[in-house]
Amino acid sequence: PVIGVPVKGMLDGMDAMLSIIQMPPGIPVATVGVNA
């Protein structure tokens, strides 16, 4: 299991969060809030 932590950056972390939560089927990444 992989847990992704989006790090606040240029777009307040939204860019990172969207990159992490939009995984293709079969490659899950649990994602928490920005900097969480």
PDB file of all heavy atoms in Angstrom:
ATOM      1  N   PRO A   1       0.835  -1.201   0.000  1.00  0.00           N
ATOM      2  CA  PRO A   1       0.000   0.000   0.000  1.00  0.00           C
ATOM      3  C   PRO A   1       0.873   1.256   0.000  1.00  0.00           C
ATOM      4  O   PRO A   1       1.885   1.316   0.702  1.00  0.00           O
ATOM      5  CB  PRO A   1      -0.814  -0.108   1.295  1.00  0.00           C
ATOM      6  CG  PRO A   1      -0.203  -1.184   2.108  1.00  0.00           C
ATOM      7  CD  PRO A   1       0.690  -1.991   1.219  1.00  0.00           C
ATOM      8  N   VAL A   2       0.456   2.219  -0.815  1.00  0.00           N
ATOM      9  CA  VAL A   2       1.165   3.490  -0.940  1.00  0.00           C
ATOM     10  C   VAL A   2       0.193   4.604  -0.551  1.00  0.00           C
ATOM     11  O   VAL A   2      -0.935   4.655  -1.046  1.00  0.00           O
ATOM     12  CB  VAL A   2       1.685   3.720  -2.375  1.00  0.00           C
ATOM     13  CG1 VAL A   2       2.342   5.093  -2.509  1.00  0.00           C
ATOM     14  CG2 VAL A   2       2.653   2.611  -2.778  1.00  0.00           C
ATOM     15  N   ILE A   3       0.657   5.470   0.339  1.00  0.00           N
ATOM     16  CA  ILE A   3      -0.130   6.630   0.759  1.00  0.00           C
ATOM     17  C   ILE A   3       0.572   7.866   0.223  1.00  0.00           C
ATOM     18  O   ILE A   3       1.738   8.111   0.539  1.00  0.00           O
ATOM     19  CB  ILE A   3      -0.245   6.703   2.297  1.00  0.00           C
ATOM     20  CG1 ILE A   3      -0.848   5.411   2.856  1.00  0.00           C
ATOM     21  CG2 ILE A   3      -1.060   7.932   2.711  1.00  0.00           C
ATOM     22  CD1 ILE A   3      -0.744   5.275   4.365  1.00  0.00           C
ATOM     23  N   GLY A   4      -0.138   8.638  -0.587  1.00  0.00           N
ATOM     24  CA  GLY A   4       0.434   9.844  -1.161  1.00  0.00           C
ATOM     25  C   GLY A   4       0.145  11.066  -0.304  1.00  0.00           C
ATOM     26  O   GLY A   4      -0.974  11.238   0.179  1.00  0.00           O
ATOM     27  N   VAL A   5       1.161  11.894  -0.124  1.00  0.00           N
ATOM     28  CA  VAL A   5       1.010  13.161   0.577  1.00  0.00           C
ATOM     29  C   VAL A   5       1.315  14.272  -0.421  1.00  0.00           C
ATOM     30  O   VAL A   5       2.469  14.477  -0.796  1.00  0.00           O
ATOM     31  CB  VAL A   5       1.969  13.282   1.788  1.00  0.00           C
ATOM     32  CG1 VAL A   5       1.803  14.640   2.471  1.00  0.00           C
ATOM     33  CG2 VAL A   5       1.755  12.152   2.771  1.00  0.00           C
ATOM     34  N   PRO A   6       0.282  14.987  -0.884  1.00  0.00           N
ATOM     35  CA  PRO A   6       0.553  16.116  -1.772  1.00  0.00           C
ATOM     36  C   PRO A   6       1.212  17.248  -0.974  1.00  0.00           C
ATOM     37  O   PRO A   6       0.770  17.565   0.126  1.00  0.00           O
ATOM     38  CB  PRO A   6      -0.824  16.542  -2.278  1.00  0.00           C
ATOM     39  CG  PRO A   6      -1.827  15.709  -1.564  1.00  0.00           C
ATOM     40  CD  PRO A   6      -1.130  14.769  -0.650  1.00  0.00           C
ATOM     41  N   VAL A   7       2.271  17.808  -1.531  1.00  0.00           N
ATOM     42  CA  VAL A   7       3.001  18.875  -0.861  1.00  0.00           C
ATOM     43  C   VAL A   7       2.612  20.211  -1.481  1.00  0.00           C
ATOM     44  O   VAL A   7       2.580  20.364  -2.703  1.00  0.00           O
ATOM     45  CB  VAL A   7       4.524  18.647  -0.964  1.00  0.00           C
ATOM     46  CG1 VAL A   7       5.301  19.811  -0.358  1.00  0.00           C
ATOM     47  CG2 VAL A   7       4.899  17.335  -0.267  1.00  0.00           C
ATOM     48  N   LYS A   8       2.308  21.150  -0.600  1.00  0.00           N
ATOM     49  CA  LYS A   8       1.904  22.483  -1.035  1.00  0.00           C
ATOM     50  C   LYS A   8       3.014  23.121  -1.850  1.00  0.00           C
ATOM     51  O   LYS A   8       4.162  23.154  -1.438  1.00  0.00           O
ATOM     52  CB  LYS A   8       1.578  23.347   0.182  1.00  0.00           C
ATOM     53  CG  LYS A   8       0.947  24.668  -0.141  1.00  0.00           C
ATOM     54  CD  LYS A   8       0.516  25.362   1.136  1.00  0.00           C
ATOM     55  CE  LYS A   8      -0.301  26.590   0.822  1.00  0.00           C
ATOM     56  NZ  LYS A   8      -0.854  27.180   2.039  1.00  0.00           N
ATOM     57  N   GLY A   9       2.636  23.604  -3.012  1.00  0.00           N
ATOM     58  CA  GLY A   9       3.615  24.229  -3.892  1.00  0.00           C
ATOM     59  C   GLY A   9       3.004  25.407  -4.615  1.00  0.00           C
ATOM     60  O   GLY A   9       2.334  26.243  -4.016  1.00  0.00           O
ATOM     61  N   MET A  10       3.170  25.414  -5.907  1.00  0.00           N
ATOM     62  CA  MET A  10       2.776  26.557  -6.722  1.00  0.00           C
ATOM     63  C   MET A  10       1.277  26.858  -6.673  1.00  0.00           C
ATOM     64  O   MET A  10       0.889  28.003  -6.641  1.00  0.00           O
ATOM     65  CB  MET A  10       3.220  26.334  -8.167  1.00  0.00           C
ATOM     66  CG  MET A  10       4.733  26.252  -8.305  1.00  0.00           C
ATOM     67  SD  MET A  10       5.257  25.840  -9.973  1.00  0.00           S
ATOM     68  CE  MET A  10       4.717  27.296 -10.846  1.00  0.00           C
ATOM     69  N   LEU A  11       0.451  25.868  -6.663  1.00  0.00           N
ATOM     70  CA  LEU A  11      -0.998  26.067  -6.676  1.00  0.00           C
ATOM     71  C   LEU A  11      -1.617  25.630  -5.354  1.00  0.00           C
ATOM     72  O   LEU A  11      -2.667  24.996  -5.324  1.00  0.00           O
ATOM     73  CB  LEU A  11      -1.627  25.312  -7.852  1.00  0.00           C
ATOM     74  CG  LEU A  11      -1.124  25.717  -9.242  1.00  0.00           C
ATOM     75  CD1 LEU A  11      -1.716  24.820 -10.314  1.00  0.00           C
ATOM     76  CD2 LEU A  11      -1.461  27.182  -9.534  1.00  0.00           C
ATOM     77  N   ASP A  12      -0.976  25.970  -4.257  1.00  0.00           N
ATOM     78  CA  ASP A  12      -1.411  25.607  -2.903  1.00  0.00           C
ATOM     79  C   ASP A  12      -1.581  24.102  -2.720  1.00  0.00           C
ATOM     80  O   ASP A  12      -2.360  23.654  -1.886  1.00  0.00           O
ATOM     81  CB  ASP A  12      -2.709  26.333  -2.522  1.00  0.00           C
ATOM     82  CG  ASP A  12      -2.471  27.788  -2.184  1.00  0.00           C
ATOM     83  OD1 ASP A  12      -1.338  28.125  -1.788  1.00  0.00           O
ATOM     84  OD2 ASP A  12      -3.417  28.584  -2.298  1.00  0.00           O
ATOM     85  N   GLY A  13      -0.871  23.324  -3.501  1.00  0.00           N
ATOM     86  CA  GLY A  13      -0.915  21.880  -3.369  1.00  0.00           C
ATOM     87  C   GLY A  13      -1.992  21.196  -4.193  1.00  0.00           C
ATOM     88  O   GLY A  13      -2.022  19.972  -4.274  1.00  0.00           O
ATOM     89  N   MET A  14      -2.864  21.987  -4.804  1.00  0.00           N
ATOM     90  CA  MET A  14      -3.923  21.381  -5.623  1.00  0.00           C
ATOM     91  C   MET A  14      -3.341  20.635  -6.816  1.00  0.00           C
ATOM     92  O   MET A  14      -3.850  19.575  -7.191  1.00  0.00           O
ATOM     93  CB  MET A  14      -4.908  22.452  -6.101  1.00  0.00           C
ATOM     94  CG  MET A  14      -5.789  23.002  -5.000  1.00  0.00           C
ATOM     95  SD  MET A  14      -6.873  21.745  -4.284  1.00  0.00           S
ATOM     96  CE  MET A  14      -7.945  21.407  -5.662  1.00  0.00           C
ATOM     97  N   ASP A  15      -2.273  21.172  -7.408  1.00  0.00           N
ATOM     98  CA  ASP A  15      -1.641  20.504  -8.543  1.00  0.00           C
ATOM     99  C   ASP A  15      -1.114  19.129  -8.122  1.00  0.00           C
ATOM    100  O   ASP A  15      -1.335  18.132  -8.805  1.00  0.00           O
ATOM    101  CB  ASP A  15      -0.531  21.365  -9.138  1.00  0.00           C
ATOM    102  CG  ASP A  15       0.440  21.935  -8.100  1.00  0.00           C
ATOM    103  OD1 ASP A  15       0.116  21.957  -6.896  1.00  0.00           O
ATOM    104  OD2 ASP A  15       1.528  22.383  -8.500  1.00  0.00           O
ATOM    105  N   ALA A  16      -0.466  19.087  -6.973  1.00  0.00           N
ATOM    106  CA  ALA A  16       0.066  17.816  -6.476  1.00  0.00           C
ATOM    107  C   ALA A  16      -1.064  16.859  -6.118  1.00  0.00           C
ATOM    108  O   ALA A  16      -1.014  15.670  -6.444  1.00  0.00           O
ATOM    109  CB  ALA A  16       0.964  18.060  -5.262  1.00  0.00           C
ATOM    110  N   MET A  17      -2.089  17.376  -5.436  1.00  0.00           N
ATOM    111  CA  MET A  17      -3.195  16.512  -5.025  1.00  0.00           C
ATOM    112  C   MET A  17      -3.879  15.888  -6.246  1.00  0.00           C
ATOM    113  O   MET A  17      -4.132  14.683  -6.277  1.00  0.00           O
ATOM    114  CB  MET A  17      -4.218  17.276  -4.202  1.00  0.00           C
ATOM    115  CG  MET A  17      -5.339  16.379  -3.690  1.00  0.00           C
ATOM    116  SD  MET A  17      -6.648  17.263  -2.859  1.00  0.00           S
ATOM    117  CE  MET A  17      -7.321  18.229  -4.179  1.00  0.00           C
ATOM    118  N   LEU A  18      -4.145  16.695  -7.252  1.00  0.00           N
ATOM    119  CA  LEU A  18      -4.805  16.167  -8.440  1.00  0.00           C
ATOM    120  C   LEU A  18      -3.941  15.136  -9.155  1.00  0.00           C
ATOM    121  O   LEU A  18      -4.453  14.138  -9.670  1.00  0.00           O
ATOM    122  CB  LEU A  18      -5.194  17.305  -9.383  1.00  0.00           C
ATOM    123  CG  LEU A  18      -6.304  18.221  -8.853  1.00  0.00           C
ATOM    124  CD1 LEU A  18      -6.473  19.430  -9.761  1.00  0.00           C
ATOM    125  CD2 LEU A  18      -7.608  17.475  -8.696  1.00  0.00           C
ATOM    126  N   SER A  19      -2.636  15.348  -9.165  1.00  0.00           N
ATOM    127  CA  SER A  19      -1.740  14.375  -9.789  1.00  0.00           C
ATOM    128  C   SER A  19      -1.774  13.041  -9.058  1.00  0.00           C
ATOM    129  O   SER A  19      -1.709  11.983  -9.672  1.00  0.00           O
ATOM    130  CB  SER A  19      -0.304  14.907  -9.800  1.00  0.00           C
ATOM    131  OG  SER A  19      -0.195  16.011 -10.647  1.00  0.00           O
ATOM    132  N   ILE A  20      -1.872  13.100  -7.729  1.00  0.00           N
ATOM    133  CA  ILE A  20      -1.825  11.865  -6.940  1.00  0.00           C
ATOM    134  C   ILE A  20      -3.161  11.122  -6.965  1.00  0.00           C
ATOM    135  O   ILE A  20      -3.194   9.895  -7.041  1.00  0.00           O
ATOM    136  CB  ILE A  20      -1.379  12.160  -5.487  1.00  0.00           C
ATOM    137  CG1 ILE A  20       0.052  12.715  -5.484  1.00  0.00           C
ATOM    138  CG2 ILE A  20      -1.460  10.904  -4.629  1.00  0.00           C
ATOM    139  CD1 ILE A  20       0.510  13.236  -4.126  1.00  0.00           C
ATOM    140  N   ILE A  21      -4.278  11.837  -6.928  1.00  0.00           N
ATOM    141  CA  ILE A  21      -5.563  11.136  -6.841  1.00  0.00           C
ATOM    142  C   ILE A  21      -6.059  10.599  -8.176  1.00  0.00           C
ATOM    143  O   ILE A  21      -6.941   9.760  -8.202  1.00  0.00           O
ATOM    144  CB  ILE A  21      -6.669  12.011  -6.197  1.00  0.00           C
ATOM    145  CG1 ILE A  21      -6.986  13.235  -7.037  1.00  0.00           C
ATOM    146  CG2 ILE A  21      -6.293  12.386  -4.785  1.00  0.00           C
ATOM    147  CD1 ILE A  21      -8.180  14.035  -6.528  1.00  0.00           C
ATOM    148  N   GLN A  22      -5.475  11.047  -9.271  1.00  0.00           N
ATOM    149  CA  GLN A  22      -5.949  10.611 -10.587  1.00  0.00           C
ATOM    150  C   GLN A  22      -5.126   9.450 -11.127  1.00  0.00           C
ATOM    151  O   GLN A  22      -4.566   9.506 -12.216  1.00  0.00           O
ATOM    152  CB  GLN A  22      -5.904  11.788 -11.567  1.00  0.00           C
ATOM    153  CG  GLN A  22      -6.849  12.900 -11.160  1.00  0.00           C
ATOM    154  CD  GLN A  22      -6.926  13.988 -12.186  1.00  0.00           C
ATOM    155  OE1 GLN A  22      -7.840  13.990 -13.010  1.00  0.00           O
ATOM    156  NE2 GLN A  22      -5.975  14.895 -12.158  1.00  0.00           N
ATOM    157  N   MET A  23      -5.097   8.367 -10.368  1.00  0.00           N
ATOM    158  CA  MET A  23      -4.346   7.184 -10.775  1.00  0.00           C
ATOM    159  C   MET A  23      -5.213   6.302 -11.674  1.00  0.00           C
ATOM    160  O   MET A  23      -6.428   6.232 -11.499  1.00  0.00           O
ATOM    161  CB  MET A  23      -3.894   6.405  -9.544  1.00  0.00           C
ATOM    162  CG  MET A  23      -2.913   7.172  -8.664  1.00  0.00           C
ATOM    163  SD  MET A  23      -1.421   7.689  -9.539  1.00  0.00           S
ATOM    164  CE  MET A  23      -0.789   6.109 -10.056  1.00  0.00           C
ATOM    165  N   PRO A  24      -4.584   5.616 -12.614  1.00  0.00           N
ATOM    166  CA  PRO A  24      -5.356   4.743 -13.495  1.00  0.00           C
ATOM    167  C   PRO A  24      -5.823   3.488 -12.752  1.00  0.00           C
ATOM    168  O   PRO A  24      -5.252   3.119 -11.713  1.00  0.00           O
ATOM    169  CB  PRO A  24      -4.352   4.379 -14.597  1.00  0.00           C
ATOM    170  CG  PRO A  24      -3.013   4.541 -13.964  1.00  0.00           C
ATOM    171  CD  PRO A  24      -3.157   5.648 -12.951  1.00  0.00           C
ATOM    172  N   PRO A  25      -6.848   2.822 -13.259  1.00  0.00           N
ATOM    173  CA  PRO A  25      -7.331   1.591 -12.629  1.00  0.00           C
ATOM    174  C   PRO A  25      -6.192   0.588 -12.444  1.00  0.00           C
ATOM    175  O   PRO A  25      -5.350   0.418 -13.323  1.00  0.00           O
ATOM    176  CB  PRO A  25      -8.362   1.053 -13.628  1.00  0.00           C
ATOM    177  CG  PRO A  25      -8.804   2.262 -14.389  1.00  0.00           C
ATOM    178  CD  PRO A  25      -7.608   3.161 -14.467  1.00  0.00           C
ATOM    179  N   GLY A  26      -6.154  -0.023 -11.278  1.00  0.00           N
ATOM    180  CA  GLY A  26      -5.146  -1.032 -10.983  1.00  0.00           C
ATOM    181  C   GLY A  26      -3.922  -0.501 -10.261  1.00  0.00           C
ATOM    182  O   GLY A  26      -3.105  -1.292  -9.787  1.00  0.00           O
ATOM    183  N   ILE A  27      -3.779   0.807 -10.170  1.00  0.00           N
ATOM    184  CA  ILE A  27      -2.620   1.413  -9.504  1.00  0.00           C
ATOM    185  C   ILE A  27      -3.137   2.374  -8.430  1.00  0.00           C
ATOM    186  O   ILE A  27      -3.081   3.599  -8.580  1.00  0.00           O
ATOM    187  CB  ILE A  27      -1.710   2.173 -10.505  1.00  0.00           C
ATOM    188  CG1 ILE A  27      -1.414   1.354 -11.751  1.00  0.00           C
ATOM    189  CG2 ILE A  27      -0.418   2.622  -9.809  1.00  0.00           C
ATOM    190  CD1 ILE A  27      -0.612   0.088 -11.489  1.00  0.00           C
ATOM    191  N   PRO A  28      -3.687   1.848  -7.338  1.00  0.00           N
ATOM    192  CA  PRO A  28      -4.245   2.733  -6.313  1.00  0.00           C
ATOM    193  C   PRO A  28      -3.168   3.422  -5.479  1.00  0.00           C
ATOM    194  O   PRO A  28      -2.119   2.847  -5.204  1.00  0.00           O
ATOM    195  CB  PRO A  28      -5.067   1.785  -5.439  1.00  0.00           C
ATOM    196  CG  PRO A  28      -4.351   0.477  -5.556  1.00  0.00           C
ATOM    197  CD  PRO A  28      -3.825   0.433  -6.976  1.00  0.00           C
ATOM    198  N   VAL A  29      -3.455   4.658  -5.121  1.00  0.00           N
ATOM    199  CA  VAL A  29      -2.650   5.401  -4.153  1.00  0.00           C
ATOM    200  C   VAL A  29      -3.643   6.062  -3.197  1.00  0.00           C
ATOM    201  O   VAL A  29      -4.457   6.884  -3.621  1.00  0.00           O
ATOM    202  CB  VAL A  29      -1.767   6.481  -4.827  1.00  0.00           C
ATOM    203  CG1 VAL A  29      -1.051   7.320  -3.762  1.00  0.00           C
ATOM    204  CG2 VAL A  29      -0.747   5.846  -5.765  1.00  0.00           C
ATOM    205  N   ALA A  30      -3.595   5.675  -1.929  1.00  0.00           N
ATOM    206  CA  ALA A  30      -4.409   6.363  -0.931  1.00  0.00           C
ATOM    207  C   ALA A  30      -3.835   7.772  -0.809  1.00  0.00           C
ATOM    208  O   ALA A  30      -2.620   7.948  -0.840  1.00  0.00           O
ATOM    209  CB  ALA A  30      -4.347   5.639   0.406  1.00  0.00           C
ATOM    210  N   THR A  31      -4.695   8.757  -0.692  1.00  0.00           N
ATOM    211  CA  THR A  31      -4.214  10.136  -0.662  1.00  0.00           C
ATOM    212  C   THR A  31      -4.813  10.873   0.521  1.00  0.00           C
ATOM    213  O   THR A  31      -6.010  10.782   0.768  1.00  0.00           O
ATOM    214  CB  THR A  31      -4.576  10.872  -1.976  1.00  0.00           C
ATOM    215  OG1 THR A  31      -4.149  10.065  -3.080  1.00  0.00           O
ATOM    216  CG2 THR A  31      -3.909  12.220  -2.047  1.00  0.00           C
ATOM    217  N   VAL A  32      -3.961  11.592   1.237  1.00  0.00           N
ATOM    218  CA  VAL A  32      -4.404  12.424   2.350  1.00  0.00           C
ATOM    219  C   VAL A  32      -4.386  13.882   1.890  1.00  0.00           C
ATOM    220  O   VAL A  32      -4.002  14.182   0.761  1.00  0.00           O
ATOM    221  CB  VAL A  32      -3.519  12.207   3.592  1.00  0.00           C
ATOM    222  CG1 VAL A  32      -3.668  10.775   4.110  1.00  0.00           C
ATOM    223  CG2 VAL A  32      -2.068  12.533   3.318  1.00  0.00           C
ATOM    224  N   GLY A  33      -4.779  14.771   2.763  1.00  0.00           N
ATOM    225  CA  GLY A  33      -4.821  16.186   2.417  1.00  0.00           C
ATOM    226  C   GLY A  33      -3.441  16.773   2.165  1.00  0.00           C
ATOM    227  O   GLY A  33      -2.414  16.181   2.484  1.00  0.00           O
ATOM    228  N   VAL A  34      -3.442  17.968   1.612  1.00  0.00           N
ATOM    229  CA  VAL A  34      -2.211  18.675   1.303  1.00  0.00           C
ATOM    230  C   VAL A  34      -1.408  18.885   2.595  1.00  0.00           C
ATOM    231  O   VAL A  34      -1.937  19.367   3.598  1.00  0.00           O
ATOM    232  CB  VAL A  34      -2.515  20.029   0.619  1.00  0.00           C
ATOM    233  CG1 VAL A  34      -1.241  20.843   0.418  1.00  0.00           C
ATOM    234  CG2 VAL A  34      -3.233  19.806  -0.713  1.00  0.00           C
ATOM    235  N   ASN A  35      -0.144  18.483   2.561  1.00  0.00           N
ATOM    236  CA  ASN A  35       0.794  18.594   3.683  1.00  0.00           C
ATOM    237  C   ASN A  35       0.375  17.777   4.913  1.00  0.00           C
ATOM    238  O   ASN A  35       0.902  17.985   5.997  1.00  0.00           O
ATOM    239  CB  ASN A  35       1.013  20.053   4.101  1.00  0.00           C
ATOM    240  CG  ASN A  35       1.889  20.819   3.134  1.00  0.00           C
ATOM    241  OD1 ASN A  35       2.315  20.297   2.116  1.00  0.00           O
ATOM    242  ND2 ASN A  35       2.161  22.059   3.448  1.00  0.00           N
ATOM    243  N   ALA A  36      -0.562  16.850   4.755  1.00  0.00           N
ATOM    244  CA  ALA A  36      -1.119  16.110   5.892  1.00  0.00           C
ATOM    245  C   ALA A  36      -0.349  14.824   6.175  1.00  0.00           C
ATOM    246  O   ALA A  36      -0.915  13.731   6.211  1.00  0.00           O
ATOM    247  CB  ALA A  36      -2.594  15.824   5.659  1.00  0.00           C
TER     248      ALA A  36
END
